[in-house]
Amino acid sequence: MRNPSPVIIDSNPPLIHPGLKTPRAAAIAGILFSLLLTCSLWLFWQSVPVSPHETGSWLKTSSERVSLALNLIPFAGVAFLWFLGVLRDRLGEKEDQFFATVFLGSGLLFLGMIFVTASAMGGLIHAYSVATGELVGSPAFSFGRAFAFDAMQIYAFKMAAVFMISTSTLAIKTQLVTRLIAYLGYASALFLLIGSGYLDWALFIFPAWVLLVSVYILFDNLRGSNN
């Protein structure tokens, strides 16, 4: 009679602590991203004229506040990457390949364009510190300012709108969040697609919607852990 095969017990502790698993981590990352991006946008809004044809007077009066806003962008980007990853983990096997591709691609493009915009604005500040009297009013300044404006207003937040649409569609299909939040995502995305180039405050819609999604996920997770 054969002896039963020995049971192998893995004594190594798990690499991921249970408290760091999704969706709580997703909610925390989304909330952090929303707060950081909102602060950064507010600092830009208060310091830099929206028009791409402005003369650059903010370089003399508000460059420190703009630098602070630029320094917040990388931290917001890290939080957004984590938010993307844990949302995909929450979707799991329910993730639709078509909408998941649009969801991930638009999110990464949004993040890339935000970084490009921050780099362009940072380049203007550094160039001004080196050549104070030569940059303002020069063709180089006009190009850099228009480039930053287009990258932010036209491209980055249009991708944010596509991200909201694809995420809302996945949410309806997989019950990631309530239908009300998903429908708000559709309406906000449509408004962002149309109004981001005309209304300055329209850019705040995206971090506000991410905050709403993150808070819902956080409370949904807390309800599940209490049951």
C-alpha atoms as a PDB file:
ATOM      1  CA  MET A   1       0.000   0.000   0.000  1.00  0.00           C
ATOM      2  CA  ARG A   2       1.441   3.356  -1.046  1.00  0.00           C
ATOM      3  CA  ASN A   3       2.072   6.064   1.438  1.00  0.00           C
ATOM      4  CA  PRO A   4       0.099   9.205   0.737  1.00  0.00           C
ATOM      5  CA  SER A   5       2.157  11.929  -0.879  1.00  0.00           C
ATOM      6  CA  PRO A   6       3.299  14.527   1.624  1.00  0.00           C
ATOM      7  CA  VAL A   7       1.432  17.802   1.683  1.00  0.00           C
ATOM      8  CA  ILE A   8       3.669  20.731   0.793  1.00  0.00           C
ATOM      9  CA  ILE A   9       2.951  23.729   2.950  1.00  0.00           C
ATOM     10  CA  ASP A  10       4.183  27.089   1.743  1.00  0.00           C
ATOM     11  CA  SER A  11       5.543  28.852   4.804  1.00  0.00           C
ATOM     12  CA  ASN A  12       6.501  32.006   2.934  1.00  0.00           C
ATOM     13  CA  PRO A  13       4.263  34.966   3.717  1.00  0.00           C
ATOM     14  CA  PRO A  14       2.363  36.610   0.815  1.00  0.00           C
ATOM     15  CA  LEU A  15       4.180  39.402  -0.943  1.00  0.00           C
ATOM     16  CA  ILE A  16       1.134  41.671  -0.855  1.00  0.00           C
ATOM     17  CA  HIS A  17      -0.387  42.542   2.489  1.00  0.00           C
ATOM     18  CA  PRO A  18      -4.175  42.072   2.446  1.00  0.00           C
ATOM     19  CA  GLY A  19      -4.679  45.716   3.371  1.00  0.00           C
ATOM     20  CA  LEU A  20      -3.002  46.836   0.132  1.00  0.00           C
ATOM     21  CA  LYS A  21      -5.197  44.875  -2.212  1.00  0.00           C
ATOM     22  CA  THR A  22      -7.817  46.423  -4.432  1.00  0.00           C
ATOM     23  CA  PRO A  23     -10.278  48.042  -4.389  1.00  0.00           C
ATOM     24  CA  ARG A  24      -9.254  50.080  -1.342  1.00  0.00           C
ATOM     25  CA  ALA A  25      -5.899  50.856  -2.939  1.00  0.00           C
ATOM     26  CA  ALA A  26      -7.729  51.938  -6.087  1.00  0.00           C
ATOM     27  CA  ALA A  27      -9.859  54.355  -4.116  1.00  0.00           C
ATOM     28  CA  ILE A  28      -6.887  55.835  -2.281  1.00  0.00           C
ATOM     29  CA  ALA A  29      -4.891  56.242  -5.505  1.00  0.00           C
ATOM     30  CA  GLY A  30      -7.834  57.835  -7.302  1.00  0.00           C
ATOM     31  CA  ILE A  31      -8.508  60.252  -4.449  1.00  0.00           C
ATOM     32  CA  LEU A  32      -4.835  61.217  -4.298  1.00  0.00           C
ATOM     33  CA  PHE A  33      -4.714  61.765  -8.069  1.00  0.00           C
ATOM     34  CA  SER A  34      -7.844  63.921  -7.963  1.00  0.00           C
ATOM     35  CA  LEU A  35      -6.530  66.128  -5.180  1.00  0.00           C
ATOM     36  CA  LEU A  36      -3.073  66.562  -6.718  1.00  0.00           C
ATOM     37  CA  LEU A  37      -4.345  67.304 -10.225  1.00  0.00           C
ATOM     38  CA  THR A  38      -6.986  69.710  -8.906  1.00  0.00           C
ATOM     39  CA  CYS A  39      -4.344  71.600  -6.915  1.00  0.00           C
ATOM     40  CA  SER A  40      -2.051  71.733  -9.930  1.00  0.00           C
ATOM     41  CA  LEU A  41      -4.806  72.959 -12.272  1.00  0.00           C
ATOM     42  CA  TRP A  42      -5.896  75.564  -9.729  1.00  0.00           C
ATOM     43  CA  LEU A  43      -2.350  76.903  -9.430  1.00  0.00           C
ATOM     44  CA  PHE A  44      -2.100  77.121 -13.228  1.00  0.00           C
ATOM     45  CA  TRP A  45      -5.499  78.791 -13.422  1.00  0.00           C
ATOM     46  CA  GLN A  46      -4.509  81.408 -10.854  1.00  0.00           C
ATOM     47  CA  SER A  47      -1.067  82.080 -12.320  1.00  0.00           C
ATOM     48  CA  VAL A  48      -1.079  81.682 -16.104  1.00  0.00           C
ATOM     49  CA  PRO A  49      -3.476  83.416 -18.509  1.00  0.00           C
ATOM     50  CA  VAL A  50      -5.392  80.824 -20.483  1.00  0.00           C
ATOM     51  CA  SER A  51      -4.886  82.443 -23.879  1.00  0.00           C
ATOM     52  CA  PRO A  52      -1.976  80.965 -25.865  1.00  0.00           C
ATOM     53  CA  HIS A  53      -1.287  84.484 -27.162  1.00  0.00           C
ATOM     54  CA  GLU A  54      -0.468  85.953 -23.738  1.00  0.00           C
ATOM     55  CA  THR A  55       2.816  87.837 -23.439  1.00  0.00           C
ATOM     56  CA  GLY A  56       4.426  85.871 -20.595  1.00  0.00           C
ATOM     57  CA  SER A  57       4.154  88.356 -17.717  1.00  0.00           C
ATOM     58  CA  TRP A  58       3.485  85.418 -15.357  1.00  0.00           C
ATOM     59  CA  LEU A  59       7.126  84.343 -15.742  1.00  0.00           C
ATOM     60  CA  LYS A  60       8.113  87.351 -13.648  1.00  0.00           C
ATOM     61  CA  THR A  61       5.258  87.334 -11.115  1.00  0.00           C
ATOM     62  CA  SER A  62       4.092  83.715 -10.744  1.00  0.00           C
ATOM     63  CA  SER A  63       6.893  81.382 -11.840  1.00  0.00           C
ATOM     64  CA  GLU A  64       7.259  79.944  -8.323  1.00  0.00           C
ATOM     65  CA  ARG A  65       3.595  78.954  -8.139  1.00  0.00           C
ATOM     66  CA  VAL A  66       3.767  77.449 -11.609  1.00  0.00           C
ATOM     67  CA  SER A  67       6.872  75.485 -10.592  1.00  0.00           C
ATOM     68  CA  LEU A  68       4.961  74.131  -7.595  1.00  0.00           C
ATOM     69  CA  ALA A  69       2.136  73.051  -9.894  1.00  0.00           C
ATOM     70  CA  LEU A  70       4.610  71.332 -12.202  1.00  0.00           C
ATOM     71  CA  ASN A  71       6.205  69.479  -9.280  1.00  0.00           C
ATOM     72  CA  LEU A  72       2.791  68.051  -8.329  1.00  0.00           C
ATOM     73  CA  ILE A  73       2.237  66.554 -11.787  1.00  0.00           C
ATOM     74  CA  PRO A  74       4.630  63.546 -11.452  1.00  0.00           C
ATOM     75  CA  PHE A  75       3.028  62.494  -8.159  1.00  0.00           C
ATOM     76  CA  ALA A  76      -0.418  62.806  -9.704  1.00  0.00           C
ATOM     77  CA  GLY A  77       0.817  60.693 -12.620  1.00  0.00           C
ATOM     78  CA  VAL A  78       2.053  57.918 -10.341  1.00  0.00           C
ATOM     79  CA  ALA A  79      -1.287  57.892  -8.515  1.00  0.00           C
ATOM     80  CA  PHE A  80      -3.158  57.747 -11.827  1.00  0.00           C
ATOM     81  CA  LEU A  81      -1.054  54.814 -13.036  1.00  0.00           C
ATOM     82  CA  TRP A  82      -1.859  52.954  -9.831  1.00  0.00           C
ATOM     83  CA  PHE A  83      -5.526  53.861 -10.284  1.00  0.00           C
ATOM     84  CA  LEU A  84      -5.464  52.381 -13.796  1.00  0.00           C
ATOM     85  CA  GLY A  85      -3.802  49.191 -12.635  1.00  0.00           C
ATOM     86  CA  VAL A  86      -6.090  48.482  -9.732  1.00  0.00           C
ATOM     87  CA  LEU A  87      -9.212  49.268 -11.760  1.00  0.00           C
ATOM     88  CA  ARG A  88      -8.154  46.626 -14.269  1.00  0.00           C
ATOM     89  CA  ASP A  89      -7.533  44.232 -11.412  1.00  0.00           C
ATOM     90  CA  ARG A  90     -11.007  44.967 -10.050  1.00  0.00           C
ATOM     91  CA  LEU A  91     -12.533  44.263 -13.465  1.00  0.00           C
ATOM     92  CA  GLY A  92     -10.694  40.939 -13.631  1.00  0.00           C
ATOM     93  CA  GLU A  93     -12.073  38.408 -16.113  1.00  0.00           C
ATOM     94  CA  LYS A  94     -15.098  40.617 -16.826  1.00  0.00           C
ATOM     95  CA  GLU A  95     -12.888  43.045 -18.703  1.00  0.00           C
ATOM     96  CA  ASP A  96     -13.993  43.497 -22.305  1.00  0.00           C
ATOM     97  CA  GLN A  97     -10.951  43.450 -24.588  1.00  0.00           C
ATOM     98  CA  PHE A  98     -12.171  46.167 -26.947  1.00  0.00           C
ATOM     99  CA  PHE A  99     -13.223  48.691 -24.325  1.00  0.00           C
ATOM    100  CA  ALA A 100     -10.288  47.721 -22.094  1.00  0.00           C
ATOM    101  CA  THR A 101      -7.886  48.658 -24.898  1.00  0.00           C
ATOM    102  CA  VAL A 102      -9.548  52.045 -25.335  1.00  0.00           C
ATOM    103  CA  PHE A 103      -9.714  52.471 -21.555  1.00  0.00           C
ATOM    104  CA  LEU A 104      -6.015  51.762 -21.030  1.00  0.00           C
ATOM    105  CA  GLY A 105      -4.809  53.540 -24.167  1.00  0.00           C
ATOM    106  CA  SER A 106      -6.720  56.755 -23.508  1.00  0.00           C
ATOM    107  CA  GLY A 107      -5.587  56.798 -19.885  1.00  0.00           C
ATOM    108  CA  LEU A 108      -1.927  56.421 -20.853  1.00  0.00           C
ATOM    109  CA  LEU A 109      -2.238  59.023 -23.622  1.00  0.00           C
ATOM    110  CA  PHE A 110      -3.818  61.465 -21.186  1.00  0.00           C
ATOM    111  CA  LEU A 111      -0.988  60.924 -18.751  1.00  0.00           C
ATOM    112  CA  GLY A 112       1.644  61.284 -21.484  1.00  0.00           C
ATOM    113  CA  MET A 113       0.176  64.553 -22.746  1.00  0.00           C
ATOM    114  CA  ILE A 114       0.000  65.941 -19.202  1.00  0.00           C
ATOM    115  CA  PHE A 115       3.704  65.180 -18.776  1.00  0.00           C
ATOM    116  CA  VAL A 116       4.502  66.768 -22.152  1.00  0.00           C
ATOM    117  CA  THR A 117       2.589  69.911 -21.165  1.00  0.00           C
ATOM    118  CA  ALA A 118       4.412  70.097 -17.830  1.00  0.00           C
ATOM    119  CA  SER A 119       7.757  69.675 -19.606  1.00  0.00           C
ATOM    120  CA  ALA A 120       6.961  72.497 -22.025  1.00  0.00           C
ATOM    121  CA  MET A 121       5.954  74.872 -19.216  1.00  0.00           C
ATOM    122  CA  GLY A 122       9.016  73.891 -17.203  1.00  0.00           C
ATOM    123  CA  GLY A 123      11.186  74.548 -20.223  1.00  0.00           C
ATOM    124  CA  LEU A 124       9.783  78.069 -20.506  1.00  0.00           C
ATOM    125  CA  ILE A 125      10.559  78.755 -16.848  1.00  0.00           C
ATOM    126  CA  HIS A 126      14.130  77.466 -17.162  1.00  0.00           C
ATOM    127  CA  ALA A 127      14.709  79.410 -20.373  1.00  0.00           C
ATOM    128  CA  TYR A 128      13.405  82.576 -18.720  1.00  0.00           C
ATOM    129  CA  SER A 129      15.782  82.148 -15.788  1.00  0.00           C
ATOM    130  CA  VAL A 130      18.719  81.958 -18.214  1.00  0.00           C
ATOM    131  CA  ALA A 131      17.673  84.650 -20.702  1.00  0.00           C
ATOM    132  CA  THR A 132      15.254  86.923 -18.842  1.00  0.00           C
ATOM    133  CA  GLY A 133      15.114  89.754 -21.321  1.00  0.00           C
ATOM    134  CA  GLU A 134      15.244  87.677 -24.486  1.00  0.00           C
ATOM    135  CA  LEU A 135      12.541  85.049 -24.010  1.00  0.00           C
ATOM    136  CA  VAL A 136       9.377  87.075 -23.409  1.00  0.00           C
ATOM    137  CA  GLY A 137       7.867  88.108 -26.731  1.00  0.00           C
ATOM    138  CA  SER A 138      10.257  85.945 -28.741  1.00  0.00           C
ATOM    139  CA  PRO A 139       9.155  83.345 -31.315  1.00  0.00           C
ATOM    140  CA  ALA A 140      10.513  80.615 -29.023  1.00  0.00           C
ATOM    141  CA  PHE A 141       8.210  81.713 -26.214  1.00  0.00           C
ATOM    142  CA  SER A 142       5.215  81.962 -28.540  1.00  0.00           C
ATOM    143  CA  PHE A 143       5.839  78.460 -29.855  1.00  0.00           C
ATOM    144  CA  GLY A 144       6.353  76.928 -26.399  1.00  0.00           C
ATOM    145  CA  ARG A 145       3.277  78.613 -24.946  1.00  0.00           C
ATOM    146  CA  ALA A 146       1.034  77.599 -27.843  1.00  0.00           C
ATOM    147  CA  PHE A 147       2.430  74.067 -27.729  1.00  0.00           C
ATOM    148  CA  ALA A 148       1.644  73.747 -24.014  1.00  0.00           C
ATOM    149  CA  PHE A 149      -1.861  75.158 -24.519  1.00  0.00           C
ATOM    150  CA  ASP A 150      -2.714  72.762 -27.351  1.00  0.00           C
ATOM    151  CA  ALA A 151      -1.239  69.742 -25.565  1.00  0.00           C
ATOM    152  CA  MET A 152      -3.332  70.445 -22.463  1.00  0.00           C
ATOM    153  CA  GLN A 153      -6.613  71.873 -23.737  1.00  0.00           C
ATOM    154  CA  ILE A 154      -6.993  69.996 -27.003  1.00  0.00           C
ATOM    155  CA  TYR A 155      -5.219  66.672 -26.676  1.00  0.00           C
ATOM    156  CA  ALA A 156      -4.805  65.691 -23.013  1.00  0.00           C
ATOM    157  CA  PHE A 157      -8.333  66.392 -21.850  1.00  0.00           C
ATOM    158  CA  LYS A 158      -9.903  65.025 -25.023  1.00  0.00           C
ATOM    159  CA  MET A 159      -8.182  61.759 -24.108  1.00  0.00           C
ATOM    160  CA  ALA A 160      -9.525  62.180 -20.587  1.00  0.00           C
ATOM    161  CA  ALA A 161     -13.024  62.373 -22.060  1.00  0.00           C
ATOM    162  CA  VAL A 162     -12.437  59.162 -24.043  1.00  0.00           C
ATOM    163  CA  PHE A 163     -11.173  57.539 -20.828  1.00  0.00           C
ATOM    164  CA  MET A 164     -14.377  58.549 -19.047  1.00  0.00           C
ATOM    165  CA  ILE A 165     -16.555  57.145 -21.840  1.00  0.00           C
ATOM    166  CA  SER A 166     -14.743  53.794 -21.987  1.00  0.00           C
ATOM    167  CA  THR A 167     -14.608  53.475 -18.194  1.00  0.00           C
ATOM    168  CA  SER A 168     -18.321  54.274 -17.914  1.00  0.00           C
ATOM    169  CA  THR A 169     -19.102  51.648 -20.553  1.00  0.00           C
ATOM    170  CA  LEU A 170     -17.059  49.045 -18.686  1.00  0.00           C
ATOM    171  CA  ALA A 171     -18.750  50.101 -15.453  1.00  0.00           C
ATOM    172  CA  ILE A 172     -22.198  49.458 -16.902  1.00  0.00           C
ATOM    173  CA  LYS A 173     -21.161  46.092 -18.333  1.00  0.00           C
ATOM    174  CA  THR A 174     -19.378  44.861 -15.189  1.00  0.00           C
ATOM    175  CA  GLN A 175     -21.149  46.832 -12.413  1.00  0.00           C
ATOM    176  CA  LEU A 176     -17.867  48.439 -11.431  1.00  0.00           C
ATOM    177  CA  VAL A 177     -19.808  51.448 -10.138  1.00  0.00           C
ATOM    178  CA  THR A 178     -23.476  52.422 -10.128  1.00  0.00           C
ATOM    179  CA  ARG A 179     -25.208  53.309 -13.368  1.00  0.00           C
ATOM    180  CA  LEU A 180     -25.745  56.854 -12.114  1.00  0.00           C
ATOM    181  CA  ILE A 181     -21.986  57.450 -11.860  1.00  0.00           C
ATOM    182  CA  ALA A 182     -21.487  55.875 -15.292  1.00  0.00           C
ATOM    183  CA  TYR A 183     -24.148  58.124 -16.845  1.00  0.00           C
ATOM    184  CA  LEU A 184     -22.546  61.128 -15.141  1.00  0.00           C
ATOM    185  CA  GLY A 185     -19.303  59.996 -16.767  1.00  0.00           C
ATOM    186  CA  TYR A 186     -20.944  60.037 -20.212  1.00  0.00           C
ATOM    187  CA  ALA A 187     -22.416  63.508 -19.661  1.00  0.00           C
ATOM    188  CA  SER A 188     -19.172  64.896 -18.221  1.00  0.00           C
ATOM    189  CA  ALA A 189     -17.125  63.431 -21.072  1.00  0.00           C
ATOM    190  CA  LEU A 190     -19.420  65.006 -23.666  1.00  0.00           C
ATOM    191  CA  PHE A 191     -19.174  68.360 -21.914  1.00  0.00           C
ATOM    192  CA  LEU A 192     -15.385  68.020 -21.709  1.00  0.00           C
ATOM    193  CA  LEU A 193     -15.109  67.165 -25.410  1.00  0.00           C
ATOM    194  CA  ILE A 194     -17.054  70.268 -26.364  1.00  0.00           C
ATOM    195  CA  GLY A 195     -16.183  72.769 -23.670  1.00  0.00           C
ATOM    196  CA  SER A 196     -12.546  72.151 -22.738  1.00  0.00           C
ATOM    197  CA  GLY A 197     -11.325  74.593 -25.383  1.00  0.00           C
ATOM    198  CA  TYR A 198     -13.757  77.346 -24.357  1.00  0.00           C
ATOM    199  CA  LEU A 199     -14.399  77.068 -20.597  1.00  0.00           C
ATOM    200  CA  ASP A 200     -11.366  77.121 -18.314  1.00  0.00           C
ATOM    201  CA  TRP A 201     -13.086  75.398 -15.385  1.00  0.00           C
ATOM    202  CA  ALA A 202     -14.182  72.472 -17.579  1.00  0.00           C
ATOM    203  CA  LEU A 203     -10.798  70.825 -16.961  1.00  0.00           C
ATOM    204  CA  PHE A 204     -11.750  70.310 -13.301  1.00  0.00           C
ATOM    205  CA  ILE A 205     -14.545  67.933 -14.345  1.00  0.00           C
ATOM    206  CA  PHE A 206     -12.198  65.019 -14.938  1.00  0.00           C
ATOM    207  CA  PRO A 207     -10.503  64.905 -11.491  1.00  0.00           C
ATOM    208  CA  ALA A 208     -13.917  65.496  -9.880  1.00  0.00           C
ATOM    209  CA  TRP A 209     -15.352  62.439 -11.657  1.00  0.00           C
ATOM    210  CA  VAL A 210     -12.344  60.295 -10.733  1.00  0.00           C
ATOM    211  CA  LEU A 211     -12.857  61.408  -7.127  1.00  0.00           C
ATOM    212  CA  LEU A 212     -16.516  60.353  -7.295  1.00  0.00           C
ATOM    213  CA  VAL A 213     -15.602  56.920  -8.673  1.00  0.00           C
ATOM    214  CA  SER A 214     -12.873  56.455  -6.069  1.00  0.00           C
ATOM    215  CA  VAL A 215     -15.103  57.416  -3.137  1.00  0.00           C
ATOM    216  CA  TYR A 216     -17.791  55.004  -4.348  1.00  0.00           C
ATOM    217  CA  ILE A 217     -15.263  52.163  -4.628  1.00  0.00           C
ATOM    218  CA  LEU A 218     -13.917  52.940  -1.161  1.00  0.00           C
ATOM    219  CA  PHE A 219     -17.356  52.819   0.487  1.00  0.00           C
ATOM    220  CA  ASP A 220     -18.314  49.738  -1.536  1.00  0.00           C
ATOM    221  CA  ASN A 221     -15.195  48.003  -0.251  1.00  0.00           C
ATOM    222  CA  LEU A 222     -15.945  49.028   3.335  1.00  0.00           C
ATOM    223  CA  ARG A 223     -19.496  47.694   3.033  1.00  0.00           C
ATOM    224  CA  GLY A 224     -18.166  44.394   1.677  1.00  0.00           C
ATOM    225  CA  SER A 225     -15.627  44.011   4.489  1.00  0.00           C
ATOM    226  CA  ASN A 226     -18.316  44.607   7.137  1.00  0.00           C
ATOM    227  CA  ASN A 227     -20.656  41.940   5.761  1.00  0.00           C
END
